[in-house]
PDB file of N, CA and C in Angstrom:
ATOM      1  N   MET A   1      20.622 124.059 188.159  1.00  0.00           N
ATOM      2  CA  MET A   1      20.144 122.788 188.671  1.00  0.00           C
ATOM      3  C   MET A   1      20.213 121.754 187.555  1.00  0.00           C
ATOM      4  N   ALA A   2      20.804 120.643 187.865  1.00  0.00           N
ATOM      5  CA  ALA A   2      20.899 119.564 186.897  1.00  0.00           C
ATOM      6  C   ALA A   2      19.537 118.920 186.707  1.00  0.00           C
ATOM      7  N   GLU A   3      19.293 118.500 185.494  1.00  0.00           N
ATOM      8  CA  GLU A   3      18.015 117.865 185.175  1.00  0.00           C
ATOM      9  C   GLU A   3      18.097 116.367 185.428  1.00  0.00           C
ATOM     10  N   ILE A   4      17.017 115.812 185.879  1.00  0.00           N
ATOM     11  CA  ILE A   4      16.898 114.373 186.059  1.00  0.00           C
ATOM     12  C   ILE A   4      16.059 113.858 184.907  1.00  0.00           C
ATOM     13  N   SER A   5      16.643 112.961 184.132  1.00  0.00           N
ATOM     14  CA  SER A   5      15.971 112.521 182.914  1.00  0.00           C
ATOM     15  C   SER A   5      14.848 111.539 183.212  1.00  0.00           C
ATOM     16  N   ASP A   6      13.854 111.595 182.363  1.00  0.00           N
ATOM     17  CA  ASP A   6      12.770 110.618 182.410  1.00  0.00           C
ATOM     18  C   ASP A   6      13.256 109.336 181.758  1.00  0.00           C
ATOM     19  N   LEU A   7      12.406 108.341 181.717  1.00  0.00           N
ATOM     20  CA  LEU A   7      12.778 107.104 181.048  1.00  0.00           C
ATOM     21  C   LEU A   7      13.039 107.377 179.576  1.00  0.00           C
ATOM     22  N   PRO A   8      14.168 106.907 179.067  1.00  0.00           N
ATOM     23  CA  PRO A   8      14.510 107.172 177.668  1.00  0.00           C
ATOM     24  C   PRO A   8      13.730 106.281 176.709  1.00  0.00           C
ATOM     25  N   MET A   9      13.645 106.753 175.494  1.00  0.00           N
ATOM     26  CA  MET A   9      13.041 105.947 174.438  1.00  0.00           C
ATOM     27  C   MET A   9      14.056 104.880 174.025  1.00  0.00           C
ATOM     28  N   HIS A  10      13.585 103.728 173.641  1.00  0.00           N
ATOM     29  CA  HIS A  10      14.471 102.608 173.350  1.00  0.00           C
ATOM     30  C   HIS A  10      15.406 102.860 172.170  1.00  0.00           C
ATOM     31  N   TYR A  11      15.115 103.796 171.307  1.00  0.00           N
ATOM     32  CA  TYR A  11      15.946 104.054 170.135  1.00  0.00           C
ATOM     33  C   TYR A  11      16.875 105.251 170.321  1.00  0.00           C
ATOM     34  N   ASP A  12      16.877 105.857 171.503  1.00  0.00           N
ATOM     35  CA  ASP A  12      17.713 107.031 171.767  1.00  0.00           C
ATOM     36  C   ASP A  12      19.123 106.584 172.129  1.00  0.00           C
ATOM     37  N   ILE A  13      20.059 106.793 171.222  1.00  0.00           N
ATOM     38  CA  ILE A  13      21.433 106.329 171.422  1.00  0.00           C
ATOM     39  C   ILE A  13      22.150 107.104 172.524  1.00  0.00           C
ATOM     40  N   ASP A  14      21.722 108.327 172.813  1.00  0.00           N
ATOM     41  CA  ASP A  14      22.356 109.155 173.844  1.00  0.00           C
ATOM     42  C   ASP A  14      21.601 109.116 175.166  1.00  0.00           C
ATOM     43  N   ALA A  15      20.738 108.165 175.326  1.00  0.00           N
ATOM     44  CA  ALA A  15      19.885 108.094 176.512  1.00  0.00           C
ATOM     45  C   ALA A  15      20.701 107.798 177.771  1.00  0.00           C
ATOM     46  N   ASN A  16      20.208 108.310 178.880  1.00  0.00           N
ATOM     47  CA  ASN A  16      20.806 108.051 180.178  1.00  0.00           C
ATOM     48  C   ASN A  16      19.931 107.023 180.890  1.00  0.00           C
ATOM     49  N   TYR A  17      20.452 105.829 181.085  1.00  0.00           N
ATOM     50  CA  TYR A  17      19.682 104.753 181.695  1.00  0.00           C
ATOM     51  C   TYR A  17      19.899 104.652 183.207  1.00  0.00           C
ATOM     52  N   THR A  18      20.579 105.621 183.786  1.00  0.00           N
ATOM     53  CA  THR A  18      20.792 105.640 185.230  1.00  0.00           C
ATOM     54  C   THR A  18      19.456 105.884 185.922  1.00  0.00           C
ATOM     55  N   PRO A  19      19.123 105.086 186.946  1.00  0.00           N
ATOM     56  CA  PRO A  19      17.853 105.305 187.651  1.00  0.00           C
ATOM     57  C   PRO A  19      17.755 106.720 188.215  1.00  0.00           C
ATOM     58  N   GLN A  20      16.540 107.234 188.286  1.00  0.00           N
ATOM     59  CA  GLN A  20      16.330 108.606 188.746  1.00  0.00           C
ATOM     60  C   GLN A  20      16.846 108.821 190.162  1.00  0.00           C
ATOM     61  N   TYR A  21      16.671 107.843 191.046  1.00  0.00           N
ATOM     62  CA  TYR A  21      17.123 108.054 192.418  1.00  0.00           C
ATOM     63  C   TYR A  21      18.646 108.160 192.494  1.00  0.00           C
ATOM     64  N   VAL A  22      19.353 107.461 191.628  1.00  0.00           N
ATOM     65  CA  VAL A  22      20.814 107.564 191.584  1.00  0.00           C
ATOM     66  C   VAL A  22      21.211 108.941 191.037  1.00  0.00           C
ATOM     67  N   GLN A  23      20.515 109.406 190.003  1.00  0.00           N
ATOM     68  CA  GLN A  23      20.789 110.740 189.470  1.00  0.00           C
ATOM     69  C   GLN A  23      20.596 111.801 190.545  1.00  0.00           C
ATOM     70  N   LEU A  24      19.491 111.707 191.289  1.00  0.00           N
ATOM     71  CA  LEU A  24      19.208 112.683 192.337  1.00  0.00           C
ATOM     72  C   LEU A  24      20.233 112.579 193.458  1.00  0.00           C
ATOM     73  N   ALA A  25      20.599 111.380 193.851  1.00  0.00           N
ATOM     74  CA  ALA A  25      21.613 111.212 194.901  1.00  0.00           C
ATOM     75  C   ALA A  25      22.929 111.854 194.482  1.00  0.00           C
ATOM     76  N   ARG A  26      23.312 111.714 193.227  1.00  0.00           N
ATOM     77  CA  ARG A  26      24.555 112.334 192.742  1.00  0.00           C
ATOM     78  C   ARG A  26      24.462 113.855 192.772  1.00  0.00           C
ATOM     79  N   ILE A  27      23.314 114.387 192.383  1.00  0.00           N
ATOM     80  CA  ILE A  27      23.118 115.838 192.419  1.00  0.00           C
ATOM     81  C   ILE A  27      23.219 116.344 193.854  1.00  0.00           C
ATOM     82  N   LEU A  28      22.541 115.672 194.771  1.00  0.00           N
ATOM     83  CA  LEU A  28      22.563 116.087 196.169  1.00  0.00           C
ATOM     84  C   LEU A  28      23.958 115.941 196.767  1.00  0.00           C
ATOM     85  N   ARG A  29      24.642 114.854 196.435  1.00  0.00           N
ATOM     86  CA  ARG A  29      26.019 114.661 196.909  1.00  0.00           C
ATOM     87  C   ARG A  29      26.907 115.807 196.446  1.00  0.00           C
ATOM     88  N   ASP A  30      26.787 116.169 195.180  1.00  0.00           N
ATOM     89  CA  ASP A  30      27.590 117.266 194.650  1.00  0.00           C
ATOM     90  C   ASP A  30      27.257 118.576 195.349  1.00  0.00           C
ATOM     91  N   ASN A  31      25.974 118.797 195.652  1.00  0.00           N
ATOM     92  CA  ASN A  31      25.570 120.012 196.366  1.00  0.00           C
ATOM     93  C   ASN A  31      26.121 120.026 197.787  1.00  0.00           C
ATOM     94  N   ILE A  32      26.134 118.882 198.443  1.00  0.00           N
ATOM     95  CA  ILE A  32      26.698 118.797 199.794  1.00  0.00           C
ATOM     96  C   ILE A  32      28.193 119.080 199.752  1.00  0.00           C
ATOM     97  N   GLU A  33      28.885 118.455 198.811  1.00  0.00           N
ATOM     98  CA  GLU A  33      30.329 118.653 198.702  1.00  0.00           C
ATOM     99  C   GLU A  33      30.694 120.080 198.311  1.00  0.00           C
ATOM    100  N   ALA A  34      29.802 120.748 197.577  1.00  0.00           N
ATOM    101  CA  ALA A  34      30.040 122.134 197.173  1.00  0.00           C
ATOM    102  C   ALA A  34      29.708 123.125 198.285  1.00  0.00           C
ATOM    103  N   GLY A  35      29.127 122.633 199.369  1.00  0.00           N
ATOM    104  CA  GLY A  35      28.795 123.504 200.486  1.00  0.00           C
ATOM    105  C   GLY A  35      27.439 124.170 200.394  1.00  0.00           C
ATOM    106  N   GLU A  36      26.619 123.760 199.429  1.00  0.00           N
ATOM    107  CA  GLU A  36      25.277 124.332 199.303  1.00  0.00           C
ATOM    108  C   GLU A  36      24.383 123.890 200.453  1.00  0.00           C
ATOM    109  N   TYR A  37      24.674 122.724 201.013  1.00  0.00           N
ATOM    110  CA  TYR A  37      24.016 122.246 202.227  1.00  0.00           C
ATOM    111  C   TYR A  37      25.103 122.122 203.281  1.00  0.00           C
ATOM    112  N   THR A  38      24.819 122.562 204.487  1.00  0.00           N
ATOM    113  CA  THR A  38      25.804 122.491 205.557  1.00  0.00           C
ATOM    114  C   THR A  38      25.377 121.449 206.580  1.00  0.00           C
ATOM    115  N   PRO A  39      26.326 120.962 207.395  1.00  0.00           N
ATOM    116  CA  PRO A  39      25.973 119.966 208.405  1.00  0.00           C
ATOM    117  C   PRO A  39      24.813 120.438 209.280  1.00  0.00           C
ATOM    118  N   GLY A  40      23.843 119.557 209.442  1.00  0.00           N
ATOM    119  CA  GLY A  40      22.655 119.868 210.233  1.00  0.00           C
ATOM    120  C   GLY A  40      21.466 120.337 209.416  1.00  0.00           C
ATOM    121  N   ASP A  41      21.696 120.723 208.158  1.00  0.00           N
ATOM    122  CA  ASP A  41      20.575 121.139 207.305  1.00  0.00           C
ATOM    123  C   ASP A  41      19.639 119.956 207.073  1.00  0.00           C
ATOM    124  N   PRO A  42      18.330 120.171 207.245  1.00  0.00           N
ATOM    125  CA  PRO A  42      17.388 119.082 206.971  1.00  0.00           C
ATOM    126  C   PRO A  42      17.154 118.935 205.465  1.00  0.00           C
ATOM    127  N   LEU A  43      17.016 117.709 205.020  1.00  0.00           N
ATOM    128  CA  LEU A  43      16.667 117.423 203.630  1.00  0.00           C
ATOM    129  C   LEU A  43      15.365 116.631 203.653  1.00  0.00           C
ATOM    130  N   ARG A  44      14.291 117.263 203.237  1.00  0.00           N
ATOM    131  CA  ARG A  44      12.973 116.625 203.244  1.00  0.00           C
ATOM    132  C   ARG A  44      12.669 116.049 201.870  1.00  0.00           C
ATOM    133  N   ALA A  45      12.235 114.808 201.855  1.00  0.00           N
ATOM    134  CA  ALA A  45      11.942 114.129 200.591  1.00  0.00           C
ATOM    135  C   ALA A  45      10.881 114.879 199.804  1.00  0.00           C
ATOM    136  N   SER A  46       9.864 115.393 200.477  1.00  0.00           N
ATOM    137  CA  SER A  46       8.791 116.089 199.758  1.00  0.00           C
ATOM    138  C   SER A  46       9.304 117.369 199.095  1.00  0.00           C
ATOM    139  N   ASP A  47      10.185 118.101 199.781  1.00  0.00           N
ATOM    140  CA  ASP A  47      10.750 119.319 199.194  1.00  0.00           C
ATOM    141  C   ASP A  47      11.642 118.986 198.001  1.00  0.00           C
ATOM    142  N   LEU A  48      12.472 117.970 198.158  1.00  0.00           N
ATOM    143  CA  LEU A  48      13.364 117.571 197.066  1.00  0.00           C
ATOM    144  C   LEU A  48      12.568 117.075 195.864  1.00  0.00           C
ATOM    145  N   ALA A  49      11.497 116.343 196.121  1.00  0.00           N
ATOM    146  CA  ALA A  49      10.655 115.843 195.030  1.00  0.00           C
ATOM    147  C   ALA A  49      10.056 117.001 194.240  1.00  0.00           C
ATOM    148  N   ASN A  50       9.596 118.034 194.940  1.00  0.00           N
ATOM    149  CA  ASN A  50       9.021 119.198 194.256  1.00  0.00           C
ATOM    150  C   ASN A  50      10.066 119.958 193.460  1.00  0.00           C
ATOM    151  N   VAL A  51      11.215 120.191 194.057  1.00  0.00           N
ATOM    152  CA  VAL A  51      12.267 120.972 193.393  1.00  0.00           C
ATOM    153  C   VAL A  51      12.792 120.258 192.153  1.00  0.00           C
ATOM    154  N   HIS A  52      13.015 118.962 192.266  1.00  0.00           N
ATOM    155  CA  HIS A  52      13.624 118.209 191.164  1.00  0.00           C
ATOM    156  C   HIS A  52      12.604 117.499 190.279  1.00  0.00           C
ATOM    157  N   ARG A  53      11.324 117.707 190.565  1.00  0.00           N
ATOM    158  CA  ARG A  53      10.229 117.151 189.764  1.00  0.00           C
ATOM    159  C   ARG A  53      10.335 115.637 189.604  1.00  0.00           C
ATOM    160  N   VAL A  54      10.475 114.978 190.752  1.00  0.00           N
ATOM    161  CA  VAL A  54      10.472 113.512 190.797  1.00  0.00           C
ATOM    162  C   VAL A  54       9.455 113.091 191.856  1.00  0.00           C
ATOM    163  N   SER A  55       9.198 111.805 191.942  1.00  0.00           N
ATOM    164  CA  SER A  55       8.267 111.321 192.962  1.00  0.00           C
ATOM    165  C   SER A  55       8.933 111.328 194.337  1.00  0.00           C
ATOM    166  N   ILE A  56       8.106 111.288 195.362  1.00  0.00           N
ATOM    167  CA  ILE A  56       8.644 111.229 196.724  1.00  0.00           C
ATOM    168  C   ILE A  56       9.422 109.933 196.921  1.00  0.00           C
ATOM    169  N   ARG A  57       8.973 108.856 196.316  1.00  0.00           N
ATOM    170  CA  ARG A  57       9.695 107.576 196.417  1.00  0.00           C
ATOM    171  C   ARG A  57      11.117 107.705 195.860  1.00  0.00           C
ATOM    172  N   VAL A  58      11.269 108.391 194.733  1.00  0.00           N
ATOM    173  CA  VAL A  58      12.599 108.612 194.161  1.00  0.00           C
ATOM    174  C   VAL A  58      13.454 109.418 195.139  1.00  0.00           C
ATOM    175  N   ALA A  59      12.881 110.480 195.704  1.00  0.00           N
ATOM    176  CA  ALA A  59      13.616 111.318 196.651  1.00  0.00           C
ATOM    177  C   ALA A  59      14.018 110.519 197.887  1.00  0.00           C
ATOM    178  N   ARG A  60      13.120 109.700 198.405  1.00  0.00           N
ATOM    179  CA  ARG A  60      13.440 108.883 199.589  1.00  0.00           C
ATOM    180  C   ARG A  60      14.550 107.885 199.290  1.00  0.00           C
ATOM    181  N   ASN A  61      14.498 107.267 198.132  1.00  0.00           N
ATOM    182  CA  ASN A  61      15.552 106.317 197.758  1.00  0.00           C
ATOM    183  C   ASN A  61      16.897 107.022 197.600  1.00  0.00           C
ATOM    184  N   ALA A  62      16.884 108.224 197.058  1.00  0.00           N
ATOM    185  CA  ALA A  62      18.124 108.995 196.922  1.00  0.00           C
ATOM    186  C   ALA A  62      18.691 109.333 198.299  1.00  0.00           C
ATOM    187  N   LEU A  63      17.827 109.739 199.225  1.00  0.00           N
ATOM    188  CA  LEU A  63      18.282 110.053 200.582  1.00  0.00           C
ATOM    189  C   LEU A  63      18.810 108.804 201.289  1.00  0.00           C
ATOM    190  N   ALA A  64      18.167 107.663 201.070  1.00  0.00           N
ATOM    191  CA  ALA A  64      18.654 106.412 201.659  1.00  0.00           C
ATOM    192  C   ALA A  64      20.038 106.063 201.119  1.00  0.00           C
ATOM    193  N   MET A  65      20.255 106.316 199.835  1.00  0.00           N
ATOM    194  CA  MET A  65      21.566 106.058 199.241  1.00  0.00           C
ATOM    195  C   MET A  65      22.622 106.985 199.853  1.00  0.00           C
ATOM    196  N   LEU A  66      22.253 108.246 200.051  1.00  0.00           N
ATOM    197  CA  LEU A  66      23.184 109.186 200.678  1.00  0.00           C
ATOM    198  C   LEU A  66      23.467 108.800 202.133  1.00  0.00           C
ATOM    199  N   ALA A  67      22.458 108.284 202.825  1.00  0.00           N
ATOM    200  CA  ALA A  67      22.659 107.838 204.209  1.00  0.00           C
ATOM    201  C   ALA A  67      23.604 106.634 204.249  1.00  0.00           C
ATOM    202  N   ALA A  68      23.461 105.721 203.309  1.00  0.00           N
ATOM    203  CA  ALA A  68      24.337 104.548 203.249  1.00  0.00           C
ATOM    204  C   ALA A  68      25.785 104.947 202.998  1.00  0.00           C
ATOM    205  N   ASN A  69      25.979 106.103 202.366  1.00  0.00           N
ATOM    206  CA  ASN A  69      27.321 106.601 202.083  1.00  0.00           C
ATOM    207  C   ASN A  69      27.751 107.697 203.053  1.00  0.00           C
ATOM    208  N   ARG A  70      26.990 107.872 204.120  1.00  0.00           N
ATOM    209  CA  ARG A  70      27.304 108.774 205.230  1.00  0.00           C
ATOM    210  C   ARG A  70      27.369 110.253 204.871  1.00  0.00           C
ATOM    211  N   TYR A  71      26.557 110.646 203.929  1.00  0.00           N
ATOM    212  CA  TYR A  71      26.420 112.078 203.626  1.00  0.00           C
ATOM    213  C   TYR A  71      25.306 112.690 204.465  1.00  0.00           C
ATOM    214  N   VAL A  72      24.294 111.896 204.763  1.00  0.00           N
ATOM    215  CA  VAL A  72      23.170 112.362 205.570  1.00  0.00           C
ATOM    216  C   VAL A  72      22.869 111.313 206.637  1.00  0.00           C
ATOM    217  N   SER A  73      22.127 111.742 207.650  1.00  0.00           N
ATOM    218  CA  SER A  73      21.700 110.806 208.687  1.00  0.00           C
ATOM    219  C   SER A  73      20.208 110.969 208.907  1.00  0.00           C
ATOM    220  N   LEU A  74      19.613 109.940 209.427  1.00  0.00           N
ATOM    221  CA  LEU A  74      18.195 109.974 209.770  1.00  0.00           C
ATOM    222  C   LEU A  74      18.115 109.942 211.287  1.00  0.00           C
ATOM    223  N   PRO A  75      17.821 111.095 211.919  1.00  0.00           N
ATOM    224  CA  PRO A  75      17.883 111.170 213.374  1.00  0.00           C
ATOM    225  C   PRO A  75      16.828 110.348 214.104  1.00  0.00           C
ATOM    226  N   GLY A  76      15.746 109.996 213.475  1.00  0.00           N
ATOM    227  CA  GLY A  76      14.734 109.191 214.144  1.00  0.00           C
ATOM    228  C   GLY A  76      13.481 109.081 213.309  1.00  0.00           C
ATOM    229  N   ASP A  77      12.535 108.322 213.809  1.00  0.00           N
ATOM    230  CA  ASP A  77      11.271 108.161 213.101  1.00  0.00           C
ATOM    231  C   ASP A  77      10.575 109.510 212.926  1.00  0.00           C
ATOM    232  N   PHE A  78       9.977 109.691 211.803  1.00  0.00           N
ATOM    233  CA  PHE A  78       9.182 110.877 211.489  1.00  0.00           C
ATOM    234  C   PHE A  78      10.001 112.166 211.480  1.00  0.00           C
ATOM    235  N   LYS A  79      11.288 112.066 211.252  1.00  0.00           N
ATOM    236  CA  LYS A  79      12.138 113.252 211.147  1.00  0.00           C
ATOM    237  C   LYS A  79      12.824 113.237 209.798  1.00  0.00           C
ATOM    238  N   SER A  80      13.302 114.388 209.386  1.00  0.00           N
ATOM    239  CA  SER A  80      13.972 114.519 208.097  1.00  0.00           C
ATOM    240  C   SER A  80      15.407 114.020 208.182  1.00  0.00           C
ATOM    241  N   TYR A  81      15.913 113.614 207.039  1.00  0.00           N
ATOM    242  CA  TYR A  81      17.339 113.344 206.944  1.00  0.00           C
ATOM    243  C   TYR A  81      18.064 114.664 207.173  1.00  0.00           C
ATOM    244  N   CYS A  82      19.252 114.603 207.752  1.00  0.00           N
ATOM    245  CA  CYS A  82      20.058 115.802 207.972  1.00  0.00           C
ATOM    246  C   CYS A  82      21.441 115.583 207.379  1.00  0.00           C
ATOM    247  N   VAL A  83      21.991 116.648 206.838  1.00  0.00           N
ATOM    248  CA  VAL A  83      23.344 116.587 206.288  1.00  0.00           C
ATOM    249  C   VAL A  83      24.307 116.325 207.436  1.00  0.00           C
ATOM    250  N   MET A  84      25.199 115.355 207.248  1.00  0.00           N
ATOM    251  CA  MET A  84      26.171 115.030 208.299  1.00  0.00           C
ATOM    252  C   MET A  84      27.418 115.891 208.156  1.00  0.00           C
ATOM    253  N   THR A  85      28.058 115.783 207.023  1.00  0.00           N
ATOM    254  CA  THR A  85      29.290 116.515 206.789  1.00  0.00           C
ATOM    255  C   THR A  85      29.555 116.545 205.300  1.00  0.00           C
ATOM    256  N   ALA A  86      30.348 117.484 204.901  1.00  0.00           N
ATOM    257  CA  ALA A  86      30.719 117.585 203.492  1.00  0.00           C
ATOM    258  C   ALA A  86      31.927 116.691 203.254  1.00  0.00           C
ATOM    259  N   ARG A  87      31.667 115.431 202.950  1.00  0.00           N
ATOM    260  CA  ARG A  87      32.757 114.483 202.682  1.00  0.00           C
ATOM    261  C   ARG A  87      33.417 114.827 201.366  1.00  0.00           C
ATOM    262  N   ILE A  88      34.681 114.578 201.299  1.00  0.00           N
ATOM    263  CA  ILE A  88      35.438 114.788 200.069  1.00  0.00           C
ATOM    264  C   ILE A  88      35.636 113.436 199.412  1.00  0.00           C
ATOM    265  N   ARG A  89      35.250 113.357 198.141  1.00  0.00           N
ATOM    266  CA  ARG A  89      35.405 112.110 197.396  1.00  0.00           C
ATOM    267  C   ARG A  89      36.855 111.871 197.052  1.00  0.00           C
ATOM    268  N   LYS A  90      37.265 110.613 197.107  1.00  0.00           N
ATOM    269  CA  LYS A  90      38.611 110.232 196.646  1.00  0.00           C
ATOM    270  C   LYS A  90      38.574 110.124 195.141  1.00  0.00           C
ATOM    271  N   GLN A  91      39.626 110.594 194.513  1.00  0.00           N
ATOM    272  CA  GLN A  91      39.652 110.548 193.045  1.00  0.00           C
ATOM    273  C   GLN A  91      40.610 109.534 192.539  1.00  0.00           C
TER     274      GLN A  91
END
């Protein structure tokens, strides 16, 4: 499992300044593309927050980013995001 970095110290030259929700969205995207999640699998923000040790807000923002890029869908109010399909990225 890839680690999601905390806020870096201002003097750390190797720091990763990418927001946590973007880091998590990339991890989840890679997992979807690798087939670790299959179409129809639910992705719950609370579960992802616990597994990746981030806040629920970070997890929700990551899922919203994945939905905007059509990796997951939100079937309705009060339901979990679901994996849509394993899209292949263009290189």
